[in-house]
Amino acid sequence: MSEITYENKVLCAACGGKCCRIAVGVCSPDDFPGGEGQITEAVKSAKFIIDNFEGLLTDDTNEITVTYLVRPARNEKGGCVLWTETGCELEYAQRPYTCRMFEPSDAVAVVLTKSVVKCACANHGKDFRALALDWLKYADLLKKLLEG
């Protein structure tokens, strides 16, 4: 069964990539079908980084867990390093999980503060905590890569 596609080039072009210019997505381990080798290669490319998650991974425990996940790096302006003037440098199917799970909207984004904008796109995917849970199986590898 194939993944539902939310790509809408017309709406994204009209928006000009506001989401991508102010934030970055989060990858799923499934974005790296080559497993540990492909994850290592992505992180070493400097286009992807290892980020940490610190919090409750499940609702049935009060234990704080620190684990890691992979996401695109940020550019000098704080946006996604994969964003170019013509859109994402990756084909839609190759983009990080959360990027593929956003459904573009023609609604106006809401400015919460000077530096925080709430995207008007609908998120149909897993949240940060669920993705951190998915990445647990690669925690040792990611920690090793962080340590150099």
N, C-alpha and C. Protein backbone atom coordinates (compact mmCIF):
# COMPACT_ATOMS: atom_id res chain seq x y z
N MET A 1 0.85 -1.18 0.00
CA MET A 1 0.00 0.00 0.00
C MET A 1 0.89 1.24 0.00
N SER A 2 0.62 2.17 -0.88
CA SER A 2 1.46 3.35 -0.98
C SER A 2 0.99 4.45 -0.01
N GLU A 3 1.91 5.31 0.30
CA GLU A 3 1.65 6.42 1.20
C GLU A 3 0.75 7.44 0.53
N ILE A 4 -0.15 8.05 1.29
CA ILE A 4 -0.99 9.13 0.77
C ILE A 4 -0.09 10.31 0.46
N THR A 5 -0.36 10.98 -0.64
CA THR A 5 0.45 12.11 -1.07
C THR A 5 -0.29 13.42 -0.84
N TYR A 6 0.38 14.36 -0.19
CA TYR A 6 -0.22 15.68 0.07
C TYR A 6 0.44 16.76 -0.75
N GLU A 7 1.29 16.37 -1.68
CA GLU A 7 2.00 17.36 -2.48
C GLU A 7 1.01 18.21 -3.28
N ASN A 8 1.24 19.53 -3.25
CA ASN A 8 0.44 20.46 -4.02
C ASN A 8 1.38 21.58 -4.45
N LYS A 9 1.98 21.44 -5.62
CA LYS A 9 2.99 22.38 -6.09
C LYS A 9 2.43 23.79 -6.27
N VAL A 10 1.15 23.90 -6.65
CA VAL A 10 0.54 25.21 -6.86
C VAL A 10 0.46 25.98 -5.55
N LEU A 11 -0.07 25.35 -4.50
CA LEU A 11 -0.18 26.04 -3.22
C LEU A 11 1.18 26.32 -2.60
N CYS A 12 2.11 25.36 -2.72
CA CYS A 12 3.44 25.56 -2.17
C CYS A 12 4.16 26.71 -2.89
N ALA A 13 4.02 26.79 -4.20
CA ALA A 13 4.66 27.86 -4.95
C ALA A 13 4.06 29.21 -4.57
N ALA A 14 2.75 29.26 -4.40
CA ALA A 14 2.09 30.51 -4.01
C ALA A 14 2.56 30.97 -2.63
N CYS A 15 2.78 30.02 -1.74
CA CYS A 15 3.23 30.31 -0.37
C CYS A 15 4.69 30.74 -0.36
N GLY A 16 5.47 30.21 -1.28
CA GLY A 16 6.89 30.54 -1.33
C GLY A 16 7.72 29.79 -0.31
N GLY A 17 7.18 28.71 0.22
CA GLY A 17 7.94 27.89 1.15
C GLY A 17 8.12 28.49 2.53
N LYS A 18 7.11 29.22 3.01
CA LYS A 18 7.24 29.85 4.33
C LYS A 18 7.60 28.84 5.42
N CYS A 19 6.94 27.68 5.41
CA CYS A 19 7.24 26.65 6.42
C CYS A 19 8.70 26.23 6.34
N CYS A 20 9.16 25.97 5.14
CA CYS A 20 10.52 25.48 4.93
C CYS A 20 11.57 26.53 5.27
N ARG A 21 11.21 27.79 5.11
CA ARG A 21 12.17 28.86 5.39
C ARG A 21 12.27 29.19 6.87
N ILE A 22 11.30 28.72 7.68
CA ILE A 22 11.37 29.03 9.11
C ILE A 22 11.55 27.80 9.99
N ALA A 23 11.41 26.62 9.42
CA ALA A 23 11.48 25.40 10.22
C ALA A 23 12.11 24.28 9.41
N VAL A 24 12.31 23.16 10.07
CA VAL A 24 12.82 21.97 9.39
C VAL A 24 11.94 20.78 9.76
N GLY A 25 11.89 19.81 8.88
CA GLY A 25 11.11 18.61 9.13
C GLY A 25 11.87 17.64 10.01
N VAL A 26 11.25 16.49 10.22
CA VAL A 26 11.87 15.40 10.98
C VAL A 26 11.77 14.14 10.13
N CYS A 27 12.85 13.41 10.08
CA CYS A 27 12.87 12.17 9.31
C CYS A 27 12.33 11.02 10.13
N SER A 28 11.85 10.03 9.44
CA SER A 28 11.48 8.75 10.02
C SER A 28 12.61 7.78 9.68
N PRO A 29 12.85 6.78 10.52
CA PRO A 29 13.84 5.77 10.12
C PRO A 29 13.50 5.14 8.77
N ASP A 30 12.22 5.09 8.42
CA ASP A 30 11.79 4.53 7.14
C ASP A 30 12.25 5.37 5.95
N ASP A 31 12.65 6.62 6.21
CA ASP A 31 13.18 7.47 5.14
C ASP A 31 14.56 6.99 4.68
N PHE A 32 15.14 6.06 5.43
CA PHE A 32 16.47 5.54 5.14
C PHE A 32 16.39 4.03 4.96
N PRO A 33 15.88 3.56 3.81
CA PRO A 33 15.72 2.12 3.61
C PRO A 33 17.04 1.36 3.63
N GLY A 34 18.16 2.08 3.48
CA GLY A 34 19.48 1.45 3.54
C GLY A 34 19.98 1.28 4.96
N GLY A 35 19.14 1.61 5.94
CA GLY A 35 19.48 1.40 7.34
C GLY A 35 20.65 2.23 7.83
N GLU A 36 21.45 1.62 8.69
CA GLU A 36 22.54 2.33 9.36
C GLU A 36 23.51 3.00 8.40
N GLY A 37 23.83 2.33 7.30
CA GLY A 37 24.76 2.91 6.33
C GLY A 37 24.22 4.18 5.71
N GLN A 38 22.97 4.18 5.34
CA GLN A 38 22.36 5.35 4.71
C GLN A 38 22.17 6.48 5.73
N ILE A 39 21.84 6.14 6.96
CA ILE A 39 21.71 7.15 8.02
C ILE A 39 23.06 7.82 8.25
N THR A 40 24.10 7.01 8.37
CA THR A 40 25.45 7.52 8.58
C THR A 40 25.87 8.44 7.45
N GLU A 41 25.62 8.02 6.22
CA GLU A 41 25.97 8.82 5.05
C GLU A 41 25.22 10.15 5.05
N ALA A 42 23.94 10.14 5.38
CA ALA A 42 23.13 11.36 5.41
C ALA A 42 23.67 12.35 6.45
N VAL A 43 23.97 11.85 7.64
CA VAL A 43 24.47 12.72 8.70
C VAL A 43 25.85 13.27 8.34
N LYS A 44 26.70 12.46 7.76
CA LYS A 44 28.04 12.91 7.38
C LYS A 44 28.00 13.90 6.22
N SER A 45 26.90 13.93 5.46
CA SER A 45 26.77 14.86 4.35
C SER A 45 26.59 16.30 4.82
N ALA A 46 26.24 16.48 6.08
CA ALA A 46 25.96 17.78 6.70
C ALA A 46 24.62 18.37 6.26
N LYS A 47 23.89 17.66 5.42
CA LYS A 47 22.54 18.11 5.06
C LYS A 47 21.54 17.65 6.10
N PHE A 48 21.91 16.66 6.88
CA PHE A 48 21.06 16.13 7.95
C PHE A 48 21.84 16.15 9.25
N ILE A 49 21.15 16.38 10.34
CA ILE A 49 21.78 16.42 11.65
C ILE A 49 21.07 15.47 12.61
N ILE A 50 21.72 15.21 13.71
CA ILE A 50 21.12 14.43 14.78
C ILE A 50 20.61 15.42 15.82
N ASP A 51 19.36 15.30 16.16
CA ASP A 51 18.73 16.17 17.15
C ASP A 51 18.32 15.30 18.32
N ASN A 52 18.15 15.90 19.48
CA ASN A 52 17.75 15.08 20.62
C ASN A 52 16.29 15.31 20.98
N PHE A 53 15.73 14.31 21.61
CA PHE A 53 14.39 14.39 22.19
C PHE A 53 14.55 14.06 23.66
N GLU A 54 14.00 14.91 24.51
CA GLU A 54 14.02 14.66 25.94
C GLU A 54 12.60 14.82 26.45
N GLY A 55 12.03 13.73 26.92
CA GLY A 55 10.66 13.80 27.41
C GLY A 55 10.07 12.43 27.65
N LEU A 56 8.76 12.41 27.82
CA LEU A 56 8.03 11.16 28.03
C LEU A 56 7.75 10.52 26.68
N LEU A 57 8.26 9.33 26.48
CA LEU A 57 8.03 8.65 25.20
C LEU A 57 6.68 7.95 25.16
N THR A 58 6.18 7.57 26.30
CA THR A 58 4.86 6.93 26.36
C THR A 58 4.05 7.55 27.49
N ASP A 59 2.75 7.41 27.42
CA ASP A 59 1.87 7.97 28.45
C ASP A 59 1.82 7.10 29.70
N ASP A 60 2.33 5.88 29.62
CA ASP A 60 2.22 4.97 30.76
C ASP A 60 3.46 4.95 31.65
N THR A 61 4.29 5.99 31.53
CA THR A 61 5.46 6.10 32.40
C THR A 61 5.72 7.56 32.72
N ASN A 62 6.35 7.79 33.84
CA ASN A 62 6.75 9.14 34.22
C ASN A 62 8.25 9.34 34.01
N GLU A 63 8.87 8.39 33.35
CA GLU A 63 10.31 8.42 33.14
C GLU A 63 10.67 9.30 31.94
N ILE A 64 11.55 10.25 32.18
CA ILE A 64 12.05 11.11 31.11
C ILE A 64 13.11 10.33 30.33
N THR A 65 12.96 10.30 29.04
CA THR A 65 13.90 9.59 28.17
C THR A 65 14.63 10.61 27.30
N VAL A 66 15.92 10.40 27.14
CA VAL A 66 16.70 11.20 26.19
C VAL A 66 17.08 10.27 25.06
N THR A 67 16.68 10.64 23.86
CA THR A 67 17.02 9.83 22.70
C THR A 67 17.27 10.78 21.52
N TYR A 68 17.50 10.23 20.36
CA TYR A 68 17.93 11.03 19.21
C TYR A 68 17.07 10.72 17.99
N LEU A 69 17.07 11.67 17.07
CA LEU A 69 16.40 11.50 15.78
C LEU A 69 17.16 12.28 14.73
N VAL A 70 16.79 12.10 13.49
CA VAL A 70 17.49 12.76 12.38
C VAL A 70 16.53 13.73 11.70
N ARG A 71 17.07 14.87 11.36
CA ARG A 71 16.29 15.90 10.66
C ARG A 71 17.22 16.69 9.74
N PRO A 72 16.66 17.42 8.77
CA PRO A 72 17.52 18.27 7.95
C PRO A 72 18.22 19.33 8.80
N ALA A 73 19.39 19.73 8.37
CA ALA A 73 20.12 20.81 9.04
C ALA A 73 19.42 22.13 8.75
N ARG A 74 19.74 23.12 9.54
CA ARG A 74 19.22 24.48 9.32
C ARG A 74 20.24 25.29 8.54
N ASN A 75 19.74 26.19 7.70
CA ASN A 75 20.64 27.10 6.99
C ASN A 75 20.96 28.29 7.90
N GLU A 76 21.74 29.23 7.39
CA GLU A 76 22.17 30.38 8.21
C GLU A 76 21.01 31.26 8.67
N LYS A 77 19.85 31.15 8.02
CA LYS A 77 18.68 31.93 8.42
C LYS A 77 17.74 31.15 9.33
N GLY A 78 18.08 29.90 9.64
CA GLY A 78 17.26 29.09 10.53
C GLY A 78 16.27 28.18 9.83
N GLY A 79 16.15 28.31 8.53
CA GLY A 79 15.25 27.45 7.77
C GLY A 79 15.93 26.16 7.34
N CYS A 80 15.23 25.39 6.57
CA CYS A 80 15.73 24.10 6.11
C CYS A 80 16.81 24.27 5.05
N VAL A 81 17.91 23.57 5.25
CA VAL A 81 19.04 23.64 4.33
C VAL A 81 18.68 23.05 2.95
N LEU A 82 17.62 22.26 2.90
CA LEU A 82 17.21 21.66 1.62
C LEU A 82 16.37 22.61 0.77
N TRP A 83 15.93 23.74 1.35
CA TRP A 83 15.09 24.70 0.63
C TRP A 83 15.95 25.53 -0.31
N THR A 84 15.49 25.67 -1.55
CA THR A 84 16.16 26.52 -2.54
C THR A 84 15.14 27.52 -3.07
N GLU A 85 15.57 28.42 -3.89
CA GLU A 85 14.66 29.41 -4.47
C GLU A 85 13.57 28.77 -5.33
N THR A 86 13.82 27.55 -5.79
CA THR A 86 12.82 26.86 -6.62
C THR A 86 12.08 25.77 -5.84
N GLY A 87 12.26 25.75 -4.53
CA GLY A 87 11.58 24.75 -3.69
C GLY A 87 12.57 23.76 -3.09
N CYS A 88 12.07 22.67 -2.61
CA CYS A 88 12.92 21.66 -1.98
C CYS A 88 13.82 21.01 -3.03
N GLU A 89 15.08 20.82 -2.65
CA GLU A 89 16.01 20.19 -3.59
C GLU A 89 15.74 18.71 -3.76
N LEU A 90 14.94 18.12 -2.86
CA LEU A 90 14.61 16.70 -2.95
C LEU A 90 13.28 16.49 -3.66
N GLU A 91 13.20 15.41 -4.41
CA GLU A 91 11.92 15.03 -4.99
C GLU A 91 10.97 14.71 -3.84
N TYR A 92 9.69 14.85 -4.06
CA TYR A 92 8.69 14.69 -3.00
C TYR A 92 8.87 13.39 -2.22
N ALA A 93 9.02 12.28 -2.90
CA ALA A 93 9.12 10.97 -2.24
C ALA A 93 10.40 10.82 -1.41
N GLN A 94 11.40 11.67 -1.65
CA GLN A 94 12.67 11.59 -0.93
C GLN A 94 12.73 12.54 0.27
N ARG A 95 11.72 13.37 0.43
CA ARG A 95 11.73 14.37 1.51
C ARG A 95 11.50 13.71 2.86
N PRO A 96 11.92 14.38 3.94
CA PRO A 96 11.68 13.85 5.28
C PRO A 96 10.20 13.58 5.54
N TYR A 97 9.95 12.61 6.38
CA TYR A 97 8.60 12.16 6.70
C TYR A 97 7.64 13.32 6.99
N THR A 98 8.00 14.20 7.93
CA THR A 98 7.05 15.25 8.30
C THR A 98 6.78 16.21 7.14
N CYS A 99 7.74 16.41 6.28
CA CYS A 99 7.54 17.28 5.11
C CYS A 99 6.50 16.68 4.16
N ARG A 100 6.52 15.37 4.03
CA ARG A 100 5.54 14.70 3.17
C ARG A 100 4.16 14.64 3.81
N MET A 101 4.10 14.78 5.12
CA MET A 101 2.83 14.65 5.84
C MET A 101 2.10 15.97 6.02
N PHE A 102 2.69 17.08 5.58
CA PHE A 102 2.00 18.36 5.62
C PHE A 102 1.16 18.54 4.37
N GLU A 103 -0.09 18.89 4.57
CA GLU A 103 -0.99 19.17 3.45
C GLU A 103 -1.07 20.68 3.28
N PRO A 104 -0.59 21.19 2.15
CA PRO A 104 -0.61 22.64 1.93
C PRO A 104 -2.03 23.21 2.01
N SER A 105 -2.08 24.44 2.47
CA SER A 105 -3.35 25.13 2.61
C SER A 105 -3.21 26.53 2.04
N ASP A 106 -4.30 27.06 1.53
CA ASP A 106 -4.25 28.45 1.06
C ASP A 106 -4.65 29.42 2.16
N ALA A 107 -4.84 28.90 3.37
CA ALA A 107 -5.12 29.76 4.51
C ALA A 107 -3.85 30.52 4.88
N VAL A 108 -4.01 31.61 5.55
CA VAL A 108 -2.88 32.44 5.93
C VAL A 108 -2.25 31.89 7.21
N ALA A 109 -0.93 31.83 7.22
CA ALA A 109 -0.22 31.41 8.43
C ALA A 109 -0.43 32.46 9.53
N VAL A 110 -0.44 32.02 10.76
CA VAL A 110 -0.66 32.90 11.89
C VAL A 110 0.68 33.23 12.54
N VAL A 111 0.95 34.51 12.72
CA VAL A 111 2.18 34.93 13.38
C VAL A 111 1.93 34.94 14.88
N LEU A 112 2.65 34.06 15.60
CA LEU A 112 2.48 33.96 17.04
C LEU A 112 3.39 34.95 17.77
N THR A 113 4.61 35.05 17.33
CA THR A 113 5.57 36.04 17.84
C THR A 113 6.42 36.46 16.67
N LYS A 114 7.36 37.34 16.91
CA LYS A 114 8.23 37.81 15.83
C LYS A 114 8.95 36.66 15.14
N SER A 115 9.33 35.63 15.90
CA SER A 115 10.11 34.54 15.31
C SER A 115 9.35 33.22 15.19
N VAL A 116 8.09 33.20 15.62
CA VAL A 116 7.32 31.95 15.56
C VAL A 116 6.08 32.15 14.70
N VAL A 117 5.99 31.36 13.65
CA VAL A 117 4.85 31.41 12.76
C VAL A 117 4.19 30.04 12.75
N LYS A 118 2.89 30.00 12.99
CA LYS A 118 2.17 28.73 12.93
C LYS A 118 1.76 28.50 11.49
N CYS A 119 2.28 27.46 10.94
CA CYS A 119 1.99 27.10 9.56
C CYS A 119 0.50 26.78 9.41
N ALA A 120 -0.08 27.18 8.32
CA ALA A 120 -1.50 26.91 8.07
C ALA A 120 -1.71 25.53 7.45
N CYS A 121 -0.62 24.84 7.13
CA CYS A 121 -0.73 23.50 6.55
C CYS A 121 -1.21 22.50 7.61
N ALA A 122 -1.91 21.49 7.18
CA ALA A 122 -2.41 20.45 8.09
C ALA A 122 -1.38 19.34 8.21
N ASN A 123 -1.07 18.94 9.45
CA ASN A 123 -0.13 17.85 9.68
C ASN A 123 -0.91 16.55 9.81
N HIS A 124 -0.67 15.63 8.91
CA HIS A 124 -1.35 14.34 8.92
C HIS A 124 -0.45 13.22 9.44
N GLY A 125 0.71 13.59 9.96
CA GLY A 125 1.67 12.57 10.37
C GLY A 125 1.84 12.44 11.86
N LYS A 126 2.85 11.67 12.20
CA LYS A 126 3.21 11.45 13.60
C LYS A 126 3.77 12.73 14.21
N ASP A 127 3.63 12.85 15.53
CA ASP A 127 4.23 14.00 16.20
C ASP A 127 5.68 13.69 16.56
N PHE A 128 6.36 14.69 17.11
CA PHE A 128 7.78 14.59 17.44
C PHE A 128 8.05 13.43 18.39
N ARG A 129 7.19 13.25 19.37
CA ARG A 129 7.36 12.17 20.35
C ARG A 129 7.26 10.80 19.68
N ALA A 130 6.29 10.61 18.81
CA ALA A 130 6.12 9.33 18.13
C ALA A 130 7.31 9.03 17.23
N LEU A 131 7.84 10.05 16.57
CA LEU A 131 9.02 9.84 15.73
C LEU A 131 10.24 9.52 16.58
N ALA A 132 10.38 10.17 17.73
CA ALA A 132 11.49 9.85 18.63
C ALA A 132 11.41 8.39 19.06
N LEU A 133 10.22 7.91 19.32
CA LEU A 133 10.02 6.51 19.69
C LEU A 133 10.46 5.58 18.55
N ASP A 134 10.12 5.95 17.31
CA ASP A 134 10.54 5.17 16.15
C ASP A 134 12.06 5.11 16.03
N TRP A 135 12.74 6.19 16.42
CA TRP A 135 14.19 6.26 16.29
C TRP A 135 14.93 5.52 17.39
N LEU A 136 14.25 5.04 18.42
CA LEU A 136 14.92 4.36 19.53
C LEU A 136 15.80 3.21 19.07
N LYS A 137 15.38 2.49 18.04
CA LYS A 137 16.17 1.34 17.58
C LYS A 137 17.53 1.75 17.02
N TYR A 138 17.70 3.04 16.71
CA TYR A 138 18.97 3.54 16.19
C TYR A 138 19.69 4.43 17.20
N ALA A 139 19.25 4.43 18.45
CA ALA A 139 19.82 5.33 19.47
C ALA A 139 21.33 5.14 19.62
N ASP A 140 21.80 3.91 19.65
CA ASP A 140 23.24 3.66 19.82
C ASP A 140 24.03 4.21 18.64
N LEU A 141 23.55 3.98 17.43
CA LEU A 141 24.23 4.50 16.24
C LEU A 141 24.27 6.03 16.27
N LEU A 142 23.15 6.66 16.56
CA LEU A 142 23.08 8.12 16.55
C LEU A 142 23.98 8.72 17.63
N LYS A 143 24.02 8.10 18.79
CA LYS A 143 24.91 8.56 19.86
C LYS A 143 26.37 8.44 19.43
N LYS A 144 26.70 7.34 18.80
CA LYS A 144 28.07 7.11 18.31
C LYS A 144 28.45 8.16 17.26
N LEU A 145 27.52 8.47 16.35
CA LEU A 145 27.79 9.49 15.33
C LEU A 145 27.97 10.86 15.96
N LEU A 146 27.20 11.16 16.98
CA LEU A 146 27.33 12.44 17.68
C LEU A 146 28.68 12.57 18.36
N GLU A 147 29.15 11.48 18.90
CA GLU A 147 30.42 11.49 19.62
C GLU A 147 31.61 11.55 18.68
N GLY A 148 31.34 11.34 17.40
CA GLY A 148 32.38 11.46 16.38
C GLY A 148 33.16 10.24 16.19
